[in-house]
Amino acid sequence: MVTPMPEKIMLPRRFPRVPAENALLVKKMGEESSELLAKTRSVSSGGCMFVYREPVGVGTAVELLISLPGRVIKAQGRVVWENVVAPGSAEVGVEFLRIAAEDRRALEAAIATHAAAGT
């Protein structure tokens, strides 16, 4: 008798994500600080996911400058997950740890606009 595989349980996200491509400057903090340019693939009020040519390092502290329509917002965060999808391409998930109230409002407005447009 073949036992079926259990279905993966998906818990609701604390911060729903929306697909969004925004220009992004990522500054790696710490001893080997560096900057890299990328584009977000999805954003939420709690973090974002972007694709880069290589993993950044889970646990790495980062400062992000995210280009939104009409402004650039700044957030501090840390890399919480990575997934190498192909040679020379890694998905990187960042949790926002600090973001100014004004920048958070701008981000949430942009997220609402993306969600309403279905993009």
Protein backbone atom coordinates (compact mmCIF):
# COMPACT_ATOMS: atom_id res chain seq x y z
CA MET A 1 0.00 0.00 0.00
CA VAL A 2 1.32 3.44 -0.93
CA THR A 3 1.03 6.10 1.75
CA PRO A 4 0.22 9.54 0.32
CA MET A 5 2.61 12.39 1.07
CA PRO A 6 1.22 14.84 3.62
CA GLU A 7 0.19 18.14 2.13
CA LYS A 8 2.35 21.12 2.97
CA ILE A 9 0.58 23.38 5.43
CA MET A 10 0.73 27.03 4.42
CA LEU A 11 0.23 29.50 7.23
CA PRO A 12 -1.05 32.97 6.41
CA ARG A 13 1.68 35.57 6.12
CA ARG A 14 1.93 38.25 8.77
CA PHE A 15 2.55 40.79 5.99
CA PRO A 16 0.96 39.90 2.63
CA ARG A 17 3.34 40.31 -0.30
CA VAL A 18 2.60 41.91 -3.63
CA PRO A 19 4.65 41.43 -6.79
CA ALA A 20 6.58 44.64 -7.46
CA GLU A 21 9.71 45.52 -9.40
CA ASN A 22 11.46 48.45 -7.78
CA ALA A 23 15.07 49.54 -8.21
CA LEU A 24 16.98 48.68 -5.06
CA LEU A 25 20.37 49.58 -3.60
CA VAL A 26 21.49 47.07 -0.98
CA LYS A 27 24.29 48.05 1.37
CA LYS A 28 25.77 45.08 3.23
CA MET A 29 26.76 46.19 6.71
CA GLY A 30 29.67 44.93 8.79
CA GLU A 31 33.34 44.23 8.23
CA GLU A 32 33.00 43.51 4.53
CA SER A 33 30.53 46.25 3.71
CA SER A 34 29.60 46.54 0.06
CA GLU A 35 26.82 47.83 -2.17
CA LEU A 36 24.86 46.03 -4.84
CA LEU A 37 22.10 46.99 -7.24
CA ALA A 38 19.05 44.79 -7.69
CA LYS A 39 15.30 44.89 -8.30
CA THR A 40 12.64 43.75 -5.90
CA ARG A 41 10.38 40.93 -7.04
CA SER A 42 7.90 41.32 -4.19
CA VAL A 43 7.38 43.68 -1.26
CA SER A 44 5.35 43.83 1.92
CA SER A 45 5.28 46.16 4.87
CA GLY A 46 7.50 43.63 6.68
CA GLY A 47 10.16 42.99 4.04
CA CYS A 48 11.00 42.32 0.42
CA MET A 49 12.45 39.73 -1.91
CA PHE A 50 14.98 40.52 -4.60
CA VAL A 51 17.11 38.56 -7.03
CA TYR A 52 20.88 38.94 -7.15
CA ARG A 53 23.64 37.08 -8.95
CA GLU A 54 24.80 35.33 -5.76
CA PRO A 55 23.64 34.73 -2.19
CA VAL A 56 24.17 37.66 0.19
CA GLY A 57 24.34 35.54 3.36
CA VAL A 58 21.54 34.61 5.74
CA GLY A 59 21.78 36.83 8.82
CA THR A 60 23.58 39.63 6.96
CA ALA A 61 22.57 43.10 8.14
CA VAL A 62 21.59 45.33 5.23
CA GLU A 63 20.48 48.88 4.57
CA LEU A 64 18.08 49.20 1.65
CA LEU A 65 17.22 52.15 -0.54
CA ILE A 66 14.04 51.26 -2.43
CA SER A 67 12.85 53.38 -5.33
CA LEU A 68 9.10 53.97 -5.21
CA PRO A 69 7.09 56.22 -7.53
CA GLY A 70 8.08 59.76 -6.59
CA ARG A 71 10.49 58.93 -3.76
CA VAL A 72 13.18 56.67 -2.36
CA ILE A 73 12.68 55.05 1.03
CA LYS A 74 15.30 53.71 3.43
CA ALA A 75 15.01 50.58 5.56
CA GLN A 76 17.38 48.57 7.70
CA GLY A 77 16.94 44.84 7.75
CA ARG A 78 18.51 41.42 7.69
CA VAL A 79 18.58 38.58 5.21
CA VAL A 80 16.29 35.84 6.55
CA TRP A 81 16.35 33.36 3.65
CA GLU A 82 18.01 32.68 0.31
CA ASN A 83 17.31 30.33 -2.55
CA VAL A 84 19.72 29.71 -5.43
CA VAL A 85 17.38 29.34 -8.42
CA ALA A 86 20.01 28.94 -11.15
CA PRO A 87 23.72 29.48 -11.61
CA GLY A 88 24.24 33.21 -11.18
CA SER A 89 20.77 33.87 -9.72
CA ALA A 90 19.70 33.83 -6.06
CA GLU A 91 16.43 34.94 -4.48
CA VAL A 92 17.06 36.89 -1.28
CA GLY A 93 14.41 37.53 1.40
CA VAL A 94 14.91 40.50 3.72
CA GLU A 95 13.00 41.32 6.88
CA PHE A 96 12.69 45.03 7.65
CA LEU A 97 13.92 45.83 11.16
CA ARG A 98 13.82 49.65 11.08
CA ILE A 99 11.99 52.00 8.79
CA ALA A 100 10.96 55.60 9.47
CA ALA A 101 7.22 56.16 9.94
CA GLU A 102 7.03 58.42 6.86
CA ASP A 103 8.84 55.82 4.73
CA ARG A 104 6.58 53.03 6.06
CA ARG A 105 3.50 55.05 5.08
CA ALA A 106 4.91 55.59 1.58
CA LEU A 107 5.70 51.88 1.27
CA GLU A 108 2.23 50.85 2.46
CA ALA A 109 0.63 53.29 -0.02
CA ALA A 110 2.72 51.80 -2.86
CA ILE A 111 1.76 48.26 -1.76
CA ALA A 112 -1.93 49.21 -1.69
CA THR A 113 -1.62 50.68 -5.19
CA HIS A 114 0.06 47.48 -6.50
CA ALA A 115 -2.56 45.30 -4.80
CA ALA A 116 -5.47 47.36 -6.17
CA ALA A 117 -4.01 47.23 -9.68
CA GLY A 118 -3.48 43.48 -9.38
CA THR A 119 0.21 43.80 -10.35
